């Protein structure tokens, strides 16, 4: 085998290795992006839950301050 052939084989192997490394890096970045998107979704959902809890507590506090408001007629109630 000549030196040129060996260098050609080594060059081809290095090219394949470079492609493999590039692919795995892209996949890693894609997975990192997916993880960031999932984290953002969880944080957004956590904020929604936090706001809902605050709103619920505000209503409870309002009913504690004015218990008669619970029995008032709701103008948005659907007719029976």
PDB file of N, CA and C in Angstrom:
ATOM      1  N   UNK A   1       0.836  -1.166   0.000  1.00  0.00           N
ATOM      2  CA  UNK A   1       0.000   0.000   0.000  1.00  0.00           C
ATOM      3  C   UNK A   1       0.890   1.242   0.000  1.00  0.00           C
ATOM      4  N   UNK A   2       0.495   2.186  -0.807  1.00  0.00           N
ATOM      5  CA  UNK A   2       1.303   3.399  -0.897  1.00  0.00           C
ATOM      6  C   UNK A   2       0.891   4.403   0.174  1.00  0.00           C
ATOM      7  N   UNK A   3       1.738   5.349   0.378  1.00  0.00           N
ATOM      8  CA  UNK A   3       1.477   6.403   1.368  1.00  0.00           C
ATOM      9  C   UNK A   3       0.243   7.198   0.968  1.00  0.00           C
ATOM     10  N   UNK A   4       0.067   7.439  -0.325  1.00  0.00           N
ATOM     11  CA  UNK A   4      -1.081   8.213  -0.809  1.00  0.00           C
ATOM     12  C   UNK A   4      -2.380   7.482  -0.487  1.00  0.00           C
ATOM     13  N   UNK A   5      -2.381   6.152  -0.639  1.00  0.00           N
ATOM     14  CA  UNK A   5      -3.573   5.374  -0.333  1.00  0.00           C
ATOM     15  C   UNK A   5      -3.889   5.426   1.157  1.00  0.00           C
ATOM     16  N   UNK A   6      -2.868   5.272   1.973  1.00  0.00           N
ATOM     17  CA  UNK A   6      -3.053   5.322   3.428  1.00  0.00           C
ATOM     18  C   UNK A   6      -3.576   6.702   3.843  1.00  0.00           C
ATOM     19  N   UNK A   7      -2.991   7.743   3.281  1.00  0.00           N
ATOM     20  CA  UNK A   7      -3.445   9.096   3.589  1.00  0.00           C
ATOM     21  C   UNK A   7      -4.882   9.322   3.118  1.00  0.00           C
ATOM     22  N   UNK A   8      -5.230   8.743   1.984  1.00  0.00           N
ATOM     23  CA  UNK A   8      -6.610   8.849   1.486  1.00  0.00           C
ATOM     24  C   UNK A   8      -7.588   8.173   2.432  1.00  0.00           C
ATOM     25  N   UNK A   9      -7.221   6.980   2.919  1.00  0.00           N
ATOM     26  CA  UNK A   9      -8.076   6.254   3.866  1.00  0.00           C
ATOM     27  C   UNK A   9      -8.198   7.025   5.174  1.00  0.00           C
ATOM     28  N   UNK A  10      -7.065   7.516   5.672  1.00  0.00           N
ATOM     29  CA  UNK A  10      -7.080   8.290   6.918  1.00  0.00           C
ATOM     30  C   UNK A  10      -7.924   9.548   6.737  1.00  0.00           C
ATOM     31  N   UNK A  11      -7.804  10.198   5.602  1.00  0.00           N
ATOM     32  CA  UNK A  11      -8.579  11.405   5.313  1.00  0.00           C
ATOM     33  C   UNK A  11     -10.076  11.090   5.283  1.00  0.00           C
ATOM     34  N   UNK A  12     -10.441   9.972   4.664  1.00  0.00           N
ATOM     35  CA  UNK A  12     -11.845   9.577   4.598  1.00  0.00           C
ATOM     36  C   UNK A  12     -12.391   9.270   5.997  1.00  0.00           C
ATOM     37  N   UNK A  13     -11.604   8.554   6.784  1.00  0.00           N
ATOM     38  CA  UNK A  13     -12.027   8.227   8.154  1.00  0.00           C
ATOM     39  C   UNK A  13     -12.194   9.501   8.978  1.00  0.00           C
ATOM     40  N   UNK A  14     -11.239  10.426   8.831  1.00  0.00           N
ATOM     41  CA  UNK A  14     -11.352  11.691   9.557  1.00  0.00           C
ATOM     42  C   UNK A  14     -12.573  12.491   9.093  1.00  0.00           C
ATOM     43  N   UNK A  15     -12.865  12.442   7.793  1.00  0.00           N
ATOM     44  CA  UNK A  15     -14.060  13.123   7.274  1.00  0.00           C
ATOM     45  C   UNK A  15     -15.332  12.542   7.874  1.00  0.00           C
ATOM     46  N   UNK A  16     -15.398  11.201   7.952  1.00  0.00           N
ATOM     47  CA  UNK A  16     -16.556  10.553   8.568  1.00  0.00           C
ATOM     48  C   UNK A  16     -16.658  10.893  10.054  1.00  0.00           C
ATOM     49  N   UNK A  17     -15.516  10.897  10.722  1.00  0.00           N
ATOM     50  CA  UNK A  17     -15.491  11.240  12.142  1.00  0.00           C
ATOM     51  C   UNK A  17     -15.955  12.674  12.362  1.00  0.00           C
ATOM     52  N   UNK A  18     -15.498  13.573  11.477  1.00  0.00           N
ATOM     53  CA  UNK A  18     -15.917  14.978  11.575  1.00  0.00           C
ATOM     54  C   UNK A  18     -17.429  15.094  11.376  1.00  0.00           C
ATOM     55  N   UNK A  19     -17.971  14.371  10.410  1.00  0.00           N
ATOM     56  CA  UNK A  19     -19.416  14.393  10.173  1.00  0.00           C
ATOM     57  C   UNK A  19     -20.173  13.851  11.382  1.00  0.00           C
ATOM     58  N   UNK A  20     -19.650  12.784  11.965  1.00  0.00           N
ATOM     59  CA  UNK A  20     -20.294  12.196  13.145  1.00  0.00           C
ATOM     60  C   UNK A  20     -20.281  13.164  14.315  1.00  0.00           C
ATOM     61  N   UNK A  21     -19.150  13.810  14.542  1.00  0.00           N
ATOM     62  CA  UNK A  21     -19.038  14.772  15.644  1.00  0.00           C
ATOM     63  C   UNK A  21     -19.975  15.949  15.403  1.00  0.00           C
ATOM     64  N   UNK A  22     -20.033  16.419  14.177  1.00  0.00           N
ATOM     65  CA  UNK A  22     -20.924  17.529  13.832  1.00  0.00           C
ATOM     66  C   UNK A  22     -22.380  17.133  14.083  1.00  0.00           C
ATOM     67  N   UNK A  23     -22.746  15.921  13.676  1.00  0.00           N
ATOM     68  CA  UNK A  23     -24.104  15.424  13.894  1.00  0.00           C
ATOM     69  C   UNK A  23     -24.436  15.348  15.384  1.00  0.00           C
ATOM     70  N   UNK A  24     -23.510  14.810  16.163  1.00  0.00           N
ATOM     71  CA  UNK A  24     -23.788  14.681  17.601  1.00  0.00           C
ATOM     72  C   UNK A  24     -23.867  16.049  18.268  1.00  0.00           C
ATOM     73  N   UNK A  25     -23.049  17.010  17.813  1.00  0.00           N
ATOM     74  CA  UNK A  25     -23.145  18.364  18.362  1.00  0.00           C
ATOM     75  C   UNK A  25     -24.487  18.988  18.026  1.00  0.00           C
ATOM     76  N   UNK A  26     -24.942  18.820  16.789  1.00  0.00           N
ATOM     77  CA  UNK A  26     -26.245  19.363  16.399  1.00  0.00           C
ATOM     78  C   UNK A  26     -27.352  18.718  17.210  1.00  0.00           C
ATOM     79  N   UNK A  27     -27.255  17.419  17.401  1.00  0.00           N
ATOM     80  CA  UNK A  27     -28.277  16.716  18.175  1.00  0.00           C
ATOM     81  C   UNK A  27     -28.273  17.221  19.621  1.00  0.00           C
ATOM     82  N   UNK A  28     -27.063  17.426  20.167  1.00  0.00           N
ATOM     83  CA  UNK A  28     -26.951  17.927  21.534  1.00  0.00           C
ATOM     84  C   UNK A  28     -27.608  19.297  21.640  1.00  0.00           C
ATOM     85  N   UNK A  29     -27.343  20.164  20.640  1.00  0.00           N
ATOM     86  CA  UNK A  29     -27.950  21.495  20.668  1.00  0.00           C
ATOM     87  C   UNK A  29     -29.463  21.413  20.517  1.00  0.00           C
ATOM     88  N   UNK A  30     -29.924  20.480  19.681  1.00  0.00           N
ATOM     89  CA  UNK A  30     -31.372  20.316  19.523  1.00  0.00           C
ATOM     90  C   UNK A  30     -31.984  19.845  20.826  1.00  0.00           C
ATOM     91  N   UNK A  31     -31.335  18.899  21.492  1.00  0.00           N
ATOM     92  CA  UNK A  31     -31.836  18.413  22.768  1.00  0.00           C
ATOM     93  C   UNK A  31     -31.795  19.510  23.817  1.00  0.00           C
ATOM     94  N   UNK A  32     -30.762  20.332  23.787  1.00  0.00           N
ATOM     95  CA  UNK A  32     -30.676  21.452  24.718  1.00  0.00           C
ATOM     96  C   UNK A  32     -31.804  22.440  24.445  1.00  0.00           C
ATOM     97  N   UNK A  33     -32.098  22.667  23.175  1.00  0.00           N
ATOM     98  CA  UNK A  33     -33.217  23.543  22.811  1.00  0.00           C
ATOM     99  C   UNK A  33     -34.543  22.987  23.277  1.00  0.00           C
ATOM    100  N   UNK A  34     -34.708  21.684  23.121  1.00  0.00           N
ATOM    101  CA  UNK A  34     -35.934  21.037  23.595  1.00  0.00           C
ATOM    102  C   UNK A  34     -36.055  21.176  25.110  1.00  0.00           C
ATOM    103  N   UNK A  35     -34.952  20.978  25.804  1.00  0.00           N
ATOM    104  CA  UNK A  35     -34.968  21.098  27.261  1.00  0.00           C
ATOM    105  C   UNK A  35     -35.314  22.523  27.675  1.00  0.00           C
ATOM    106  N   UNK A  36     -34.775  23.505  26.961  1.00  0.00           N
ATOM    107  CA  UNK A  36     -35.095  24.894  27.271  1.00  0.00           C
ATOM    108  C   UNK A  36     -36.574  25.175  27.023  1.00  0.00           C
ATOM    109  N   UNK A  37     -37.120  24.626  25.936  1.00  0.00           N
ATOM    110  CA  UNK A  37     -38.536  24.830  25.638  1.00  0.00           C
ATOM    111  C   UNK A  37     -39.418  24.187  26.706  1.00  0.00           C
ATOM    112  N   UNK A  38     -39.047  23.004  27.144  1.00  0.00           N
ATOM    113  CA  UNK A  38     -39.808  22.333  28.203  1.00  0.00           C
ATOM    114  C   UNK A  38     -39.729  23.129  29.495  1.00  0.00           C
ATOM    115  N   UNK A  39     -38.517  23.608  29.822  1.00  0.00           N
ATOM    116  CA  UNK A  39     -38.342  24.411  31.038  1.00  0.00           C
ATOM    117  C   UNK A  39     -39.194  25.675  30.971  1.00  0.00           C
ATOM    118  N   UNK A  40     -39.221  26.336  29.806  1.00  0.00           N
ATOM    119  CA  UNK A  40     -40.017  27.555  29.628  1.00  0.00           C
ATOM    120  C   UNK A  40     -41.494  27.236  29.799  1.00  0.00           C
ATOM    121  N   UNK A  41     -41.937  26.118  29.249  1.00  0.00           N
ATOM    122  CA  UNK A  41     -43.335  25.723  29.408  1.00  0.00           C
ATOM    123  C   UNK A  41     -43.694  25.468  30.862  1.00  0.00           C
ATOM    124  N   UNK A  42     -42.802  24.822  31.576  1.00  0.00           N
ATOM    125  CA  UNK A  42     -43.048  24.546  32.989  1.00  0.00           C
ATOM    126  C   UNK A  42     -43.079  25.845  33.787  1.00  0.00           C
ATOM    127  N   UNK A  43     -42.145  26.757  33.487  1.00  0.00           N
ATOM    128  CA  UNK A  43     -42.136  28.044  34.186  1.00  0.00           C
ATOM    129  C   UNK A  43     -43.412  28.835  33.897  1.00  0.00           C
ATOM    130  N   UNK A  44     -43.873  28.818  32.637  1.00  0.00           N
ATOM    131  CA  UNK A  44     -45.114  29.517  32.283  1.00  0.00           C
ATOM    132  C   UNK A  44     -46.308  28.905  33.011  1.00  0.00           C
ATOM    133  N   UNK A  45     -46.365  27.581  33.039  1.00  0.00           N
ATOM    134  CA  UNK A  45     -47.456  26.909  33.746  1.00  0.00           C
ATOM    135  C   UNK A  45     -47.412  27.222  35.235  1.00  0.00           C
ATOM    136  N   UNK A  46     -46.212  27.290  35.797  1.00  0.00           N
ATOM    137  CA  UNK A  46     -46.059  27.627  37.210  1.00  0.00           C
ATOM    138  C   UNK A  46     -46.577  29.037  37.487  1.00  0.00           C
ATOM    139  N   UNK A  47     -46.303  29.966  36.571  1.00  0.00           N
ATOM    140  CA  UNK A  47     -46.802  31.336  36.731  1.00  0.00           C
ATOM    141  C   UNK A  47     -48.327  31.370  36.675  1.00  0.00           C
ATOM    142  N   UNK A  48     -48.926  30.605  35.769  1.00  0.00           N
ATOM    143  CA  UNK A  48     -50.385  30.559  35.669  1.00  0.00           C
ATOM    144  C   UNK A  48     -50.982  30.028  36.965  1.00  0.00           C
ATOM    145  N   UNK A  49     -50.391  28.968  37.504  1.00  0.00           N
ATOM    146  CA  UNK A  49     -50.871  28.402  38.759  1.00  0.00           C
ATOM    147  C   UNK A  49     -50.715  29.408  39.888  1.00  0.00           C
ATOM    148  N   UNK A  50     -49.593  30.112  39.908  1.00  0.00           N
ATOM    149  CA  UNK A  50     -49.354  31.123  40.948  1.00  0.00           C
ATOM    150  C   UNK A  50     -50.409  32.221  40.880  1.00  0.00           C
ATOM    151  N   UNK A  51     -50.708  32.704  39.683  1.00  0.00           N
ATOM    152  CA  UNK A  51     -51.723  33.739  39.535  1.00  0.00           C
ATOM    153  C   UNK A  51     -53.105  33.227  39.935  1.00  0.00           C
ATOM    154  N   UNK A  52     -53.407  31.986  39.586  1.00  0.00           N
ATOM    155  CA  UNK A  52     -54.699  31.408  39.963  1.00  0.00           C
ATOM    156  C   UNK A  52     -54.823  31.292  41.483  1.00  0.00           C
ATOM    157  N   UNK A  53     -53.753  30.872  42.142  1.00  0.00           N
ATOM    158  CA  UNK A  53     -53.775  30.781  43.600  1.00  0.00           C
ATOM    159  C   UNK A  53     -53.962  32.147  44.236  1.00  0.00           C
ATOM    160  N   UNK A  54     -53.272  33.144  43.693  1.00  0.00           N
ATOM    161  CA  UNK A  54     -53.419  34.508  44.217  1.00  0.00           C
ATOM    162  C   UNK A  54     -54.849  35.007  44.035  1.00  0.00           C
ATOM    163  N   UNK A  55     -55.431  34.762  42.856  1.00  0.00           N
ATOM    164  CA  UNK A  55     -56.811  35.181  42.611  1.00  0.00           C
ATOM    165  C   UNK A  55     -57.768  34.459  43.552  1.00  0.00           C
ATOM    166  N   UNK A  56     -57.540  33.188  43.761  1.00  0.00           N
ATOM    167  CA  UNK A  56     -58.385  32.417  44.672  1.00  0.00           C
ATOM    168  C   UNK A  56     -58.277  32.952  46.100  1.00  0.00           C
ATOM    169  N   UNK A  57     -57.058  33.263  46.524  1.00  0.00           N
ATOM    170  CA  UNK A  57     -56.866  33.813  47.864  1.00  0.00           C
ATOM    171  C   UNK A  57     -57.508  35.192  47.985  1.00  0.00           C
ATOM    172  N   UNK A  58     -57.435  35.993  46.931  1.00  0.00           N
ATOM    173  CA  UNK A  58     -58.086  37.307  46.951  1.00  0.00           C
ATOM    174  C   UNK A  58     -59.594  37.169  47.149  1.00  0.00           C
ATOM    175  N   UNK A  59     -60.206  36.200  46.469  1.00  0.00           N
ATOM    176  CA  UNK A  59     -61.654  35.975  46.626  1.00  0.00           C
ATOM    177  C   UNK A  59     -61.959  35.498  48.031  1.00  0.00           C
ATOM    178  N   UNK A  60     -61.145  34.596  48.552  1.00  0.00           N
ATOM    179  CA  UNK A  60     -61.355  34.130  49.929  1.00  0.00           C
ATOM    180  C   UNK A  60     -61.257  35.289  50.909  1.00  0.00           C
ATOM    181  N   UNK A  61     -60.246  36.141  50.734  1.00  0.00           N
ATOM    182  CA  UNK A  61     -60.085  37.298  51.616  1.00  0.00           C
ATOM    183  C   UNK A  61     -61.282  38.237  51.506  1.00  0.00           C
ATOM    184  N   UNK A  62     -61.775  38.408  50.296  1.00  0.00           N
ATOM    185  CA  UNK A  62     -62.948  39.268  50.083  1.00  0.00           C
ATOM    186  C   UNK A  62     -64.155  38.702  50.816  1.00  0.00           C
ATOM    187  N   UNK A  63     -64.338  37.387  50.778  1.00  0.00           N
ATOM    188  CA  UNK A  63     -65.478  36.766  51.461  1.00  0.00           C
ATOM    189  C   UNK A  63     -65.322  36.831  52.977  1.00  0.00           C
ATOM    190  N   UNK A  64     -64.081  36.806  53.456  1.00  0.00           N
ATOM    191  CA  UNK A  64     -63.857  36.944  54.897  1.00  0.00           C
ATOM    192  C   UNK A  64     -64.223  38.361  55.335  1.00  0.00           C
ATOM    193  N   UNK A  65     -63.847  39.354  54.524  1.00  0.00           N
ATOM    194  CA  UNK A  65     -64.167  40.744  54.856  1.00  0.00           C
ATOM    195  C   UNK A  65     -65.654  41.032  54.739  1.00  0.00           C
ATOM    196  N   UNK A  66     -66.325  40.407  53.734  1.00  0.00           N
ATOM    197  CA  UNK A  66     -67.744  40.669  53.476  1.00  0.00           C
ATOM    198  C   UNK A  66     -68.457  39.342  53.231  1.00  0.00           C
ATOM    199  N   UNK A  67     -68.778  38.594  54.304  1.00  0.00           N
ATOM    200  CA  UNK A  67     -69.385  37.272  54.131  1.00  0.00           C
ATOM    201  C   UNK A  67     -70.757  37.307  53.463  1.00  0.00           C
ATOM    202  N   UNK A  68     -71.467  38.420  53.556  1.00  0.00           N
ATOM    203  CA  UNK A  68     -72.789  38.502  52.922  1.00  0.00           C
ATOM    204  C   UNK A  68     -72.701  38.529  51.399  1.00  0.00           C
ATOM    205  N   UNK A  69     -71.530  38.815  50.870  1.00  0.00           N
ATOM    206  CA  UNK A  69     -71.391  38.879  49.409  1.00  0.00           C
ATOM    207  C   UNK A  69     -71.527  37.510  48.762  1.00  0.00           C
ATOM    208  N   UNK A  70     -71.376  36.462  49.538  1.00  0.00           N
ATOM    209  CA  UNK A  70     -71.470  35.107  48.974  1.00  0.00           C
ATOM    210  C   UNK A  70     -72.890  34.824  48.495  1.00  0.00           C
ATOM    211  N   UNK A  71     -73.853  35.310  49.204  1.00  0.00           N
ATOM    212  CA  UNK A  71     -75.239  34.989  48.873  1.00  0.00           C
ATOM    213  C   UNK A  71     -75.877  35.999  47.918  1.00  0.00           C
ATOM    214  N   UNK A  72     -75.148  37.029  47.496  1.00  0.00           N
ATOM    215  CA  UNK A  72     -75.707  38.005  46.560  1.00  0.00           C
ATOM    216  C   UNK A  72     -75.975  37.346  45.212  1.00  0.00           C
ATOM    217  N   UNK A  73     -76.992  37.872  44.534  1.00  0.00           N
ATOM    218  CA  UNK A  73     -77.346  37.340  43.221  1.00  0.00           C
ATOM    219  C   UNK A  73     -76.239  37.676  42.225  1.00  0.00           C
ATOM    220  N   UNK A  74     -75.869  36.707  41.435  1.00  0.00           N
ATOM    221  CA  UNK A  74     -74.821  36.889  40.440  1.00  0.00           C
ATOM    222  C   UNK A  74     -75.448  37.398  39.145  1.00  0.00           C
ATOM    223  N   UNK A  75     -75.082  38.610  38.699  1.00  0.00           N
ATOM    224  CA  UNK A  75     -75.699  39.135  37.476  1.00  0.00           C
ATOM    225  C   UNK A  75     -75.265  38.377  36.215  1.00  0.00           C
ATOM    226  N   UNK A  76     -74.230  37.568  36.320  1.00  0.00           N
ATOM    227  CA  UNK A  76     -73.759  36.812  35.154  1.00  0.00           C
ATOM    228  C   UNK A  76     -74.273  35.386  35.129  1.00  0.00           C
ATOM    229  N   UNK A  77     -75.129  35.046  36.101  1.00  0.00           N
ATOM    230  CA  UNK A  77     -75.666  33.679  36.175  1.00  0.00           C
ATOM    231  C   UNK A  77     -76.622  33.427  35.014  1.00  0.00           C
ATOM    232  N   UNK A  78     -76.539  32.235  34.449  1.00  0.00           N
ATOM    233  CA  UNK A  78     -77.454  31.894  33.355  1.00  0.00           C
ATOM    234  C   UNK A  78     -78.843  31.645  33.926  1.00  0.00           C
ATOM    235  N   UNK A  79     -79.858  32.007  33.183  1.00  0.00           N
ATOM    236  CA  UNK A  79     -81.221  31.760  33.667  1.00  0.00           C
ATOM    237  C   UNK A  79     -81.508  30.258  33.713  1.00  0.00           C
ATOM    238  N   UNK A  80     -82.323  29.872  34.653  1.00  0.00           N
ATOM    239  CA  UNK A  80     -82.681  28.448  34.804  1.00  0.00           C
ATOM    240  C   UNK A  80     -83.713  28.018  33.806  1.00  0.00           C
TER     241      UNK A  80
END
